[in-house]
Amino acid sequence: MLGSDNLMHFHTWKYWEEILHMMPILVVGRDCSLHRIQTSQALKKYPNILHDKKVFDWSATPNIFYIDASVIKGSATDIREYLKKGQRTALLSHAVRAYLDAKFISIVKNTSNHIVRGVFSCIHTFLMLKTNGRKIRNTFLFSRYF
């Protein structure tokens, strides 16, 4: 899962092509438009893998699925900052906050580890993002990493 801004330099990541063939990638539209991300080097090399769909085929690779999330206010960074300070934020629902209180708050408060922060960012996005009025639930994310 990447923010659209990160897709623009995804081709500079170590093993980026292996990642692309390992699993489908969900690109969440933030600071880059769908038109702009189509100019990324990764999509120039693999021009037919970008899909703007509401239904995702997670079985085929390489695939990149785009979701416009411009309606989501705030960012994972904003949420982490609130949580580190022990403050409440309207960016998290009560259920998500309760879950984080039980499982992750101490980790987020006490770490500068980018992997943990990245996983927290993914959890935030999956729990906050809505399509067709349904929350996306990614049990693979939780079962694989936690």
C-alpha atoms as a PDB file:
ATOM      1  CA  MET A   1       0.000   0.000   0.000  1.00  0.00           C
ATOM      2  CA  LEU A   2       1.439   3.333  -1.075  1.00  0.00           C
ATOM      3  CA  GLY A   3       0.391   6.921  -1.136  1.00  0.00           C
ATOM      4  CA  SER A   4       0.225   8.226  -4.691  1.00  0.00           C
ATOM      5  CA  ASP A   5       3.141  10.541  -3.928  1.00  0.00           C
ATOM      6  CA  ASN A   6       5.307   7.500  -3.087  1.00  0.00           C
ATOM      7  CA  LEU A   7       4.442   5.752  -6.345  1.00  0.00           C
ATOM      8  CA  MET A   8       6.239   8.556  -8.181  1.00  0.00           C
ATOM      9  CA  HIS A   9       9.584   7.282  -6.850  1.00  0.00           C
ATOM     10  CA  PHE A  10       8.670   3.624  -6.262  1.00  0.00           C
ATOM     11  CA  HIS A  11      11.076   2.643  -9.063  1.00  0.00           C
ATOM     12  CA  THR A  12      13.982   3.843  -6.869  1.00  0.00           C
ATOM     13  CA  TRP A  13      13.188   1.340  -4.102  1.00  0.00           C
ATOM     14  CA  LYS A  14      15.460  -1.646  -3.686  1.00  0.00           C
ATOM     15  CA  TYR A  15      13.734  -4.729  -5.155  1.00  0.00           C
ATOM     16  CA  TRP A  16      10.775  -2.678  -6.387  1.00  0.00           C
ATOM     17  CA  GLU A  17      10.043  -5.044  -9.258  1.00  0.00           C
ATOM     18  CA  GLU A  18      10.096  -8.055  -6.947  1.00  0.00           C
ATOM     19  CA  ILE A  19       7.615  -6.257  -4.679  1.00  0.00           C
ATOM     20  CA  LEU A  20       5.437  -5.458  -7.680  1.00  0.00           C
ATOM     21  CA  HIS A  21       5.348  -9.133  -8.707  1.00  0.00           C
ATOM     22  CA  MET A  22       4.953 -10.401  -5.140  1.00  0.00           C
ATOM     23  CA  MET A  23       1.598  -8.806  -4.389  1.00  0.00           C
ATOM     24  CA  PRO A  24      -0.888  -6.321  -5.816  1.00  0.00           C
ATOM     25  CA  ILE A  25      -0.328  -2.752  -4.693  1.00  0.00           C
ATOM     26  CA  LEU A  26      -3.034  -0.405  -3.492  1.00  0.00           C
ATOM     27  CA  VAL A  27      -2.241   3.233  -4.297  1.00  0.00           C
ATOM     28  CA  VAL A  28      -4.162   5.753  -2.233  1.00  0.00           C
ATOM     29  CA  GLY A  29      -4.607   9.072  -4.018  1.00  0.00           C
ATOM     30  CA  ARG A  30      -3.311  11.903  -1.882  1.00  0.00           C
ATOM     31  CA  ASP A  31      -1.072  14.584  -3.302  1.00  0.00           C
ATOM     32  CA  CYS A  32      -0.788  13.209  -6.843  1.00  0.00           C
ATOM     33  CA  SER A  33      -3.643  12.927  -9.295  1.00  0.00           C
ATOM     34  CA  LEU A  34      -4.407   9.741 -11.188  1.00  0.00           C
ATOM     35  CA  HIS A  35      -3.186  11.483 -14.344  1.00  0.00           C
ATOM     36  CA  ARG A  36       0.134  12.406 -12.726  1.00  0.00           C
ATOM     37  CA  ILE A  37       0.901   8.955 -11.318  1.00  0.00           C
ATOM     38  CA  GLN A  38       0.483   7.530 -14.810  1.00  0.00           C
ATOM     39  CA  THR A  39       3.763   9.312 -15.594  1.00  0.00           C
ATOM     40  CA  SER A  40       5.689   7.401 -12.902  1.00  0.00           C
ATOM     41  CA  GLN A  41       8.669   5.342 -14.071  1.00  0.00           C
ATOM     42  CA  ALA A  42       7.113   2.145 -12.684  1.00  0.00           C
ATOM     43  CA  LEU A  43       4.008   2.645 -14.806  1.00  0.00           C
ATOM     44  CA  LYS A  44       6.071   3.575 -17.842  1.00  0.00           C
ATOM     45  CA  LYS A  45       7.775   0.190 -17.558  1.00  0.00           C
ATOM     46  CA  TYR A  46       4.494  -1.652 -16.810  1.00  0.00           C
ATOM     47  CA  PRO A  47       1.876   0.483 -18.604  1.00  0.00           C
ATOM     48  CA  ASN A  48      -1.113  -1.874 -18.304  1.00  0.00           C
ATOM     49  CA  ILE A  49      -1.135  -2.622 -14.592  1.00  0.00           C
ATOM     50  CA  LEU A  50      -2.914   0.461 -13.216  1.00  0.00           C
ATOM     51  CA  HIS A  51      -6.603  -0.011 -12.448  1.00  0.00           C
ATOM     52  CA  ASP A  52      -9.137   2.480 -11.131  1.00  0.00           C
ATOM     53  CA  LYS A  53     -11.721   0.043  -9.817  1.00  0.00           C
ATOM     54  CA  LYS A  54     -14.047  -0.428  -6.910  1.00  0.00           C
ATOM     55  CA  VAL A  55     -13.550  -4.209  -6.982  1.00  0.00           C
ATOM     56  CA  PHE A  56     -10.028  -5.511  -6.667  1.00  0.00           C
ATOM     57  CA  ASP A  57      -8.521  -8.736  -7.989  1.00  0.00           C
ATOM     58  CA  TRP A  58      -5.909  -9.484  -5.349  1.00  0.00           C
ATOM     59  CA  SER A  59      -4.842 -12.737  -7.022  1.00  0.00           C
ATOM     60  CA  ALA A  60      -3.042 -11.347 -10.083  1.00  0.00           C
ATOM     61  CA  THR A  61       0.329  -9.622 -10.163  1.00  0.00           C
ATOM     62  CA  PRO A  62       1.642  -7.210 -11.158  1.00  0.00           C
ATOM     63  CA  ASN A  63      -1.375  -5.041 -10.439  1.00  0.00           C
ATOM     64  CA  ILE A  64      -1.713  -1.550  -9.050  1.00  0.00           C
ATOM     65  CA  PHE A  65      -5.119  -0.417  -7.843  1.00  0.00           C
ATOM     66  CA  TYR A  66      -5.850   3.274  -7.382  1.00  0.00           C
ATOM     67  CA  ILE A  67      -8.316   4.659  -4.838  1.00  0.00           C
ATOM     68  CA  ASP A  68      -9.022   8.371  -4.559  1.00  0.00           C
ATOM     69  CA  ALA A  69      -8.755   9.173  -0.871  1.00  0.00           C
ATOM     70  CA  SER A  70      -8.703  12.939  -1.159  1.00  0.00           C
ATOM     71  CA  VAL A  71     -11.825  13.053   1.013  1.00  0.00           C
ATOM     72  CA  ILE A  72      -9.891  11.745   4.023  1.00  0.00           C
ATOM     73  CA  LYS A  73      -8.765  14.688   6.110  1.00  0.00           C
ATOM     74  CA  GLY A  74      -5.505  14.508   7.981  1.00  0.00           C
ATOM     75  CA  SER A  75      -2.695  12.025   7.592  1.00  0.00           C
ATOM     76  CA  ALA A  76      -1.139   9.114   9.407  1.00  0.00           C
ATOM     77  CA  THR A  77       1.623  11.495  10.509  1.00  0.00           C
ATOM     78  CA  ASP A  78      -0.964  13.818  12.090  1.00  0.00           C
ATOM     79  CA  ILE A  79      -2.557  10.896  13.899  1.00  0.00           C
ATOM     80  CA  ARG A  80       0.798   9.595  15.173  1.00  0.00           C
ATOM     81  CA  GLU A  81       1.610  13.045  16.542  1.00  0.00           C
ATOM     82  CA  TYR A  82      -1.711  13.247  18.388  1.00  0.00           C
ATOM     83  CA  LEU A  83      -1.202   9.762  19.804  1.00  0.00           C
ATOM     84  CA  LYS A  84       2.390  10.415  20.886  1.00  0.00           C
ATOM     85  CA  LYS A  85       1.120  13.396  22.867  1.00  0.00           C
ATOM     86  CA  GLY A  86      -1.713  11.328  24.335  1.00  0.00           C
ATOM     87  CA  GLN A  87      -4.294  13.568  22.680  1.00  0.00           C
ATOM     88  CA  ARG A  88      -7.608  12.511  21.182  1.00  0.00           C
ATOM     89  CA  THR A  89      -8.375  13.197  17.545  1.00  0.00           C
ATOM     90  CA  ALA A  90     -11.540  13.134  15.468  1.00  0.00           C
ATOM     91  CA  LEU A  91      -9.498  11.501  12.693  1.00  0.00           C
ATOM     92  CA  LEU A  92      -9.977   8.146  14.433  1.00  0.00           C
ATOM     93  CA  SER A  93     -13.324   6.541  15.126  1.00  0.00           C
ATOM     94  CA  HIS A  94     -14.031   5.387  18.678  1.00  0.00           C
ATOM     95  CA  ALA A  95     -13.622   1.731  17.648  1.00  0.00           C
ATOM     96  CA  VAL A  96     -10.257   2.337  15.982  1.00  0.00           C
ATOM     97  CA  ARG A  97      -9.006   4.376  18.938  1.00  0.00           C
ATOM     98  CA  ALA A  98     -10.050   1.644  21.392  1.00  0.00           C
ATOM     99  CA  TYR A  99      -8.248  -0.953  19.309  1.00  0.00           C
ATOM    100  CA  LEU A 100      -5.097   1.153  19.134  1.00  0.00           C
ATOM    101  CA  ASP A 101      -5.266   1.893  22.850  1.00  0.00           C
ATOM    102  CA  ALA A 102      -5.319  -1.826  23.519  1.00  0.00           C
ATOM    103  CA  LYS A 103      -2.638  -2.879  21.044  1.00  0.00           C
ATOM    104  CA  PHE A 104      -0.368  -0.210  19.648  1.00  0.00           C
ATOM    105  CA  ILE A 105      -0.223   3.072  21.559  1.00  0.00           C
ATOM    106  CA  SER A 106       2.877   2.210  23.570  1.00  0.00           C
ATOM    107  CA  ILE A 107       4.670   1.045  20.429  1.00  0.00           C
ATOM    108  CA  VAL A 108       3.826   4.209  18.503  1.00  0.00           C
ATOM    109  CA  LYS A 109       4.696   6.512  21.399  1.00  0.00           C
ATOM    110  CA  ASN A 110       8.068   4.925  22.023  1.00  0.00           C
ATOM    111  CA  THR A 111       9.431   4.216  18.588  1.00  0.00           C
ATOM    112  CA  SER A 112      11.075   5.965  15.735  1.00  0.00           C
ATOM    113  CA  ASN A 113      11.118   2.689  13.820  1.00  0.00           C
ATOM    114  CA  HIS A 114       9.896   3.460  10.301  1.00  0.00           C
ATOM    115  CA  ILE A 115       8.589  -0.065   9.771  1.00  0.00           C
ATOM    116  CA  VAL A 116       6.315   0.118  12.811  1.00  0.00           C
ATOM    117  CA  ARG A 117       5.217   3.608  11.821  1.00  0.00           C
ATOM    118  CA  GLY A 118       4.578   2.383   8.272  1.00  0.00           C
ATOM    119  CA  VAL A 119       2.467  -0.507   9.518  1.00  0.00           C
ATOM    120  CA  PHE A 120       0.539   1.914  11.730  1.00  0.00           C
ATOM    121  CA  SER A 121      -0.026   4.084   8.673  1.00  0.00           C
ATOM    122  CA  CYS A 122      -1.399   1.090   6.767  1.00  0.00           C
ATOM    123  CA  ILE A 123      -3.707   0.180   9.642  1.00  0.00           C
ATOM    124  CA  HIS A 124      -4.987   3.745   9.784  1.00  0.00           C
ATOM    125  CA  THR A 125      -5.658   3.867   6.071  1.00  0.00           C
ATOM    126  CA  PHE A 126      -7.363   0.488   5.884  1.00  0.00           C
ATOM    127  CA  LEU A 127      -9.617   1.284   8.814  1.00  0.00           C
ATOM    128  CA  MET A 128     -10.478   4.799   7.667  1.00  0.00           C
ATOM    129  CA  LEU A 129     -10.872   4.272   3.932  1.00  0.00           C
ATOM    130  CA  LYS A 130     -14.381   3.647   2.667  1.00  0.00           C
ATOM    131  CA  THR A 131     -15.575   2.501  -0.716  1.00  0.00           C
ATOM    132  CA  ASN A 132     -19.225   2.087  -1.600  1.00  0.00           C
ATOM    133  CA  GLY A 133     -20.127   2.862   1.999  1.00  0.00           C
ATOM    134  CA  ARG A 134     -18.262  -0.206   3.309  1.00  0.00           C
ATOM    135  CA  LYS A 135     -15.045  -0.109   5.263  1.00  0.00           C
ATOM    136  CA  ILE A 136     -12.240  -2.056   3.690  1.00  0.00           C
ATOM    137  CA  ARG A 137     -11.170  -4.805   6.024  1.00  0.00           C
ATOM    138  CA  ASN A 138      -7.846  -6.400   5.310  1.00  0.00           C
ATOM    139  CA  THR A 139      -7.534  -9.408   7.573  1.00  0.00           C
ATOM    140  CA  PHE A 140      -4.362 -10.384   5.726  1.00  0.00           C
ATOM    141  CA  LEU A 141      -2.658  -7.274   7.078  1.00  0.00           C
ATOM    142  CA  PHE A 142      -3.463  -8.172  10.675  1.00  0.00           C
ATOM    143  CA  SER A 143      -2.882 -11.916  10.422  1.00  0.00           C
ATOM    144  CA  ARG A 144       0.417 -11.508   8.612  1.00  0.00           C
ATOM    145  CA  TYR A 145       2.015  -8.850  10.789  1.00  0.00           C
ATOM    146  CA  PHE A 146       0.361  -9.131  14.201  1.00  0.00           C
END
